[in-house]
PDB file of N, CA and C in Angstrom:
ATOM      1  N   UNK A   1      33.833  65.371 120.280  1.00  0.00           N
ATOM      2  CA  UNK A   1      34.029  65.610 121.703  1.00  0.00           C
ATOM      3  C   UNK A   1      35.517  65.545 122.049  1.00  0.00           C
ATOM      4  N   UNK A   2      36.249  64.654 121.390  1.00  0.00           N
ATOM      5  CA  UNK A   2      37.690  64.529 121.645  1.00  0.00           C
ATOM      6  C   UNK A   2      38.403  65.847 121.339  1.00  0.00           C
ATOM      7  N   UNK A   3      38.020  66.484 120.249  1.00  0.00           N
ATOM      8  CA  UNK A   3      38.665  67.741 119.871  1.00  0.00           C
ATOM      9  C   UNK A   3      38.381  68.822 120.915  1.00  0.00           C
ATOM     10  N   UNK A   4      37.195  68.767 121.530  1.00  0.00           N
ATOM     11  CA  UNK A   4      36.855  69.739 122.569  1.00  0.00           C
ATOM     12  C   UNK A   4      37.764  69.568 123.783  1.00  0.00           C
ATOM     13  N   UNK A   5      37.990  68.326 124.199  1.00  0.00           N
ATOM     14  CA  UNK A   5      38.881  68.060 125.323  1.00  0.00           C
ATOM     15  C   UNK A   5      40.305  68.502 124.991  1.00  0.00           C
ATOM     16  N   UNK A   6      40.735  68.241 123.760  1.00  0.00           N
ATOM     17  CA  UNK A   6      42.066  68.672 123.308  1.00  0.00           C
ATOM     18  C   UNK A   6      42.177  70.193 123.398  1.00  0.00           C
ATOM     19  N   UNK A   7      41.139  70.880 122.935  1.00  0.00           N
ATOM     20  CA  UNK A   7      41.117  72.339 122.968  1.00  0.00           C
ATOM     21  C   UNK A   7      41.202  72.834 124.412  1.00  0.00           C
ATOM     22  N   UNK A   8      40.422  72.223 125.315  1.00  0.00           N
ATOM     23  CA  UNK A   8      40.411  72.629 126.715  1.00  0.00           C
ATOM     24  C   UNK A   8      41.786  72.441 127.353  1.00  0.00           C
ATOM     25  N   UNK A   9      42.456  71.339 127.024  1.00  0.00           N
ATOM     26  CA  UNK A   9      43.762  71.056 127.616  1.00  0.00           C
ATOM     27  C   UNK A   9      44.811  72.060 127.152  1.00  0.00           C
ATOM     28  N   UNK A  10      44.735  72.488 125.900  1.00  0.00           N
ATOM     29  CA  UNK A  10      45.781  73.350 125.342  1.00  0.00           C
ATOM     30  C   UNK A  10      45.433  74.836 125.400  1.00  0.00           C
ATOM     31  N   UNK A  11      44.161  75.147 125.622  1.00  0.00           N
ATOM     32  CA  UNK A  11      43.749  76.554 125.609  1.00  0.00           C
ATOM     33  C   UNK A  11      42.967  76.913 126.864  1.00  0.00           C
ATOM     34  N   UNK A  12      43.192  76.188 127.965  1.00  0.00           N
ATOM     35  CA  UNK A  12      42.427  76.447 129.188  1.00  0.00           C
ATOM     36  C   UNK A  12      42.682  77.852 129.718  1.00  0.00           C
ATOM     37  N   UNK A  13      43.887  78.376 129.484  1.00  0.00           N
ATOM     38  CA  UNK A  13      44.204  79.708 129.994  1.00  0.00           C
ATOM     39  C   UNK A  13      43.326  80.767 129.323  1.00  0.00           C
ATOM     40  N   UNK A  14      43.185  80.675 127.999  1.00  0.00           N
ATOM     41  CA  UNK A  14      42.341  81.638 127.291  1.00  0.00           C
ATOM     42  C   UNK A  14      40.883  81.453 127.680  1.00  0.00           C
ATOM     43  N   UNK A  15      40.487  80.194 127.943  1.00  0.00           N
ATOM     44  CA  UNK A  15      39.111  79.943 128.387  1.00  0.00           C
ATOM     45  C   UNK A  15      38.869  80.620 129.737  1.00  0.00           C
ATOM     46  N   UNK A  16      39.844  80.514 130.637  1.00  0.00           N
ATOM     47  CA  UNK A  16      39.733  81.151 131.950  1.00  0.00           C
ATOM     48  C   UNK A  16      39.658  82.667 131.794  1.00  0.00           C
ATOM     49  N   UNK A  17      40.481  83.217 130.915  1.00  0.00           N
ATOM     50  CA  UNK A  17      40.481  84.661 130.693  1.00  0.00           C
ATOM     51  C   UNK A  17      39.136  85.128 130.157  1.00  0.00           C
ATOM     52  N   UNK A  18      38.609  84.412 129.157  1.00  0.00           N
ATOM     53  CA  UNK A  18      37.319  84.777 128.568  1.00  0.00           C
ATOM     54  C   UNK A  18      36.222  84.696 129.621  1.00  0.00           C
ATOM     55  N   UNK A  19      36.247  83.622 130.426  1.00  0.00           N
ATOM     56  CA  UNK A  19      35.238  83.468 131.476  1.00  0.00           C
ATOM     57  C   UNK A  19      35.318  84.625 132.471  1.00  0.00           C
ATOM     58  N   UNK A  20      36.538  84.997 132.842  1.00  0.00           N
ATOM     59  CA  UNK A  20      36.719  86.103 133.772  1.00  0.00           C
ATOM     60  C   UNK A  20      36.204  87.417 133.204  1.00  0.00           C
ATOM     61  N   UNK A  21      36.465  87.653 131.925  1.00  0.00           N
ATOM     62  CA  UNK A  21      36.003  88.878 131.271  1.00  0.00           C
ATOM     63  C   UNK A  21      34.478  88.922 131.250  1.00  0.00           C
ATOM     64  N   UNK A  22      33.863  87.778 130.921  1.00  0.00           N
ATOM     65  CA  UNK A  22      32.398  87.707 130.866  1.00  0.00           C
ATOM     66  C   UNK A  22      31.809  87.957 132.253  1.00  0.00           C
ATOM     67  N   UNK A  23      32.385  87.329 133.260  1.00  0.00           N
ATOM     68  CA  UNK A  23      31.885  87.518 134.628  1.00  0.00           C
ATOM     69  C   UNK A  23      32.033  88.971 135.058  1.00  0.00           C
ATOM     70  N   UNK A  24      33.169  89.586 134.730  1.00  0.00           N
ATOM     71  CA  UNK A  24      33.391  90.985 135.083  1.00  0.00           C
ATOM     72  C   UNK A  24      32.374  91.886 134.380  1.00  0.00           C
ATOM     73  N   UNK A  25      32.099  91.604 133.107  1.00  0.00           N
ATOM     74  CA  UNK A  25      31.137  92.399 132.345  1.00  0.00           C
ATOM     75  C   UNK A  25      29.744  92.282 132.956  1.00  0.00           C
ATOM     76  N   UNK A  26      29.360  91.058 133.330  1.00  0.00           N
ATOM     77  CA  UNK A  26      28.048  90.848 133.948  1.00  0.00           C
ATOM     78  C   UNK A  26      27.975  91.572 135.293  1.00  0.00           C
ATOM     79  N   UNK A  27      29.046  91.481 136.074  1.00  0.00           N
ATOM     80  CA  UNK A  27      29.090  92.138 137.385  1.00  0.00           C
ATOM     81  C   UNK A  27      28.944  93.651 137.236  1.00  0.00           C
ATOM     82  N   UNK A  28      29.713  94.230 136.311  1.00  0.00           N
ATOM     83  CA  UNK A  28      29.651  95.680 136.084  1.00  0.00           C
ATOM     84  C   UNK A  28      28.267  96.079 135.592  1.00  0.00           C
ATOM     85  N   UNK A  29      27.686  95.275 134.687  1.00  0.00           N
ATOM     86  CA  UNK A  29      26.365  95.578 134.140  1.00  0.00           C
ATOM     87  C   UNK A  29      25.307  95.569 135.240  1.00  0.00           C
ATOM     88  N   UNK A  30      25.411  94.606 136.165  1.00  0.00           N
ATOM     89  CA  UNK A  30      24.405  94.490 137.228  1.00  0.00           C
ATOM     90  C   UNK A  30      24.557  95.588 138.270  1.00  0.00           C
ATOM     91  N   UNK A  31      25.812  95.964 138.593  1.00  0.00           N
ATOM     92  CA  UNK A  31      26.039  96.901 139.685  1.00  0.00           C
ATOM     93  C   UNK A  31      26.501  98.273 139.200  1.00  0.00           C
ATOM     94  N   UNK A  32      26.266  98.554 137.898  1.00  0.00           N
ATOM     95  CA  UNK A  32      26.736  99.811 137.315  1.00  0.00           C
ATOM     96  C   UNK A  32      26.170 101.010 138.067  1.00  0.00           C
ATOM     97  N   UNK A  33      24.857 100.982 138.359  1.00  0.00           N
ATOM     98  CA  UNK A  33      24.215 102.107 139.038  1.00  0.00           C
ATOM     99  C   UNK A  33      24.878 102.376 140.385  1.00  0.00           C
ATOM    100  N   UNK A  34      25.124 101.322 141.159  1.00  0.00           N
ATOM    101  CA  UNK A  34      25.743 101.481 142.474  1.00  0.00           C
ATOM    102  C   UNK A  34      27.152 102.058 142.331  1.00  0.00           C
ATOM    103  N   UNK A  35      27.902 101.555 141.348  1.00  0.00           N
ATOM    104  CA  UNK A  35      29.274 102.018 141.132  1.00  0.00           C
ATOM    105  C   UNK A  35      29.276 103.503 140.753  1.00  0.00           C
ATOM    106  N   UNK A  36      28.385 103.884 139.830  1.00  0.00           N
ATOM    107  CA  UNK A  36      28.343 105.269 139.355  1.00  0.00           C
ATOM    108  C   UNK A  36      27.936 106.206 140.488  1.00  0.00           C
ATOM    109  N   UNK A  37      26.911 105.806 141.262  1.00  0.00           N
ATOM    110  CA  UNK A  37      26.429 106.653 142.356  1.00  0.00           C
ATOM    111  C   UNK A  37      27.533 106.846 143.393  1.00  0.00           C
ATOM    112  N   UNK A  38      28.240 105.762 143.738  1.00  0.00           N
ATOM    113  CA  UNK A  38      29.315 105.867 144.725  1.00  0.00           C
ATOM    114  C   UNK A  38      30.473 106.696 144.174  1.00  0.00           C
ATOM    115  N   UNK A  39      30.790 106.521 142.894  1.00  0.00           N
ATOM    116  CA  UNK A  39      31.932 107.203 142.300  1.00  0.00           C
ATOM    117  C   UNK A  39      31.716 108.702 142.173  1.00  0.00           C
ATOM    118  N   UNK A  40      30.486 109.122 141.829  1.00  0.00           N
ATOM    119  CA  UNK A  40      30.219 110.538 141.587  1.00  0.00           C
ATOM    120  C   UNK A  40      29.592 111.209 142.805  1.00  0.00           C
ATOM    121  N   UNK A  41      29.441 110.491 143.890  1.00  0.00           N
ATOM    122  CA  UNK A  41      28.858 111.070 145.095  1.00  0.00           C
ATOM    123  C   UNK A  41      27.346 111.037 145.045  1.00  0.00           C
ATOM    124  N   UNK A  42      26.741 112.079 144.423  1.00  0.00           N
ATOM    125  CA  UNK A  42      25.277 112.117 144.306  1.00  0.00           C
ATOM    126  C   UNK A  42      24.880 112.262 142.861  1.00  0.00           C
ATOM    127  N   UNK A  43      23.678 111.779 142.552  1.00  0.00           N
ATOM    128  CA  UNK A  43      23.154 111.945 141.182  1.00  0.00           C
ATOM    129  C   UNK A  43      22.377 113.248 141.114  1.00  0.00           C
TER     130      UNK A  43
END
């Protein structure tokens, strides 16, 4: 557990980046249809 805390303290920026990427991927996956329909006008 100590090594995990050490990792978090020294690599929190990469953890934040990875979390942001995952959240963005989930968001795009969930709302892909809405994005595509709005972007291309009509299907």
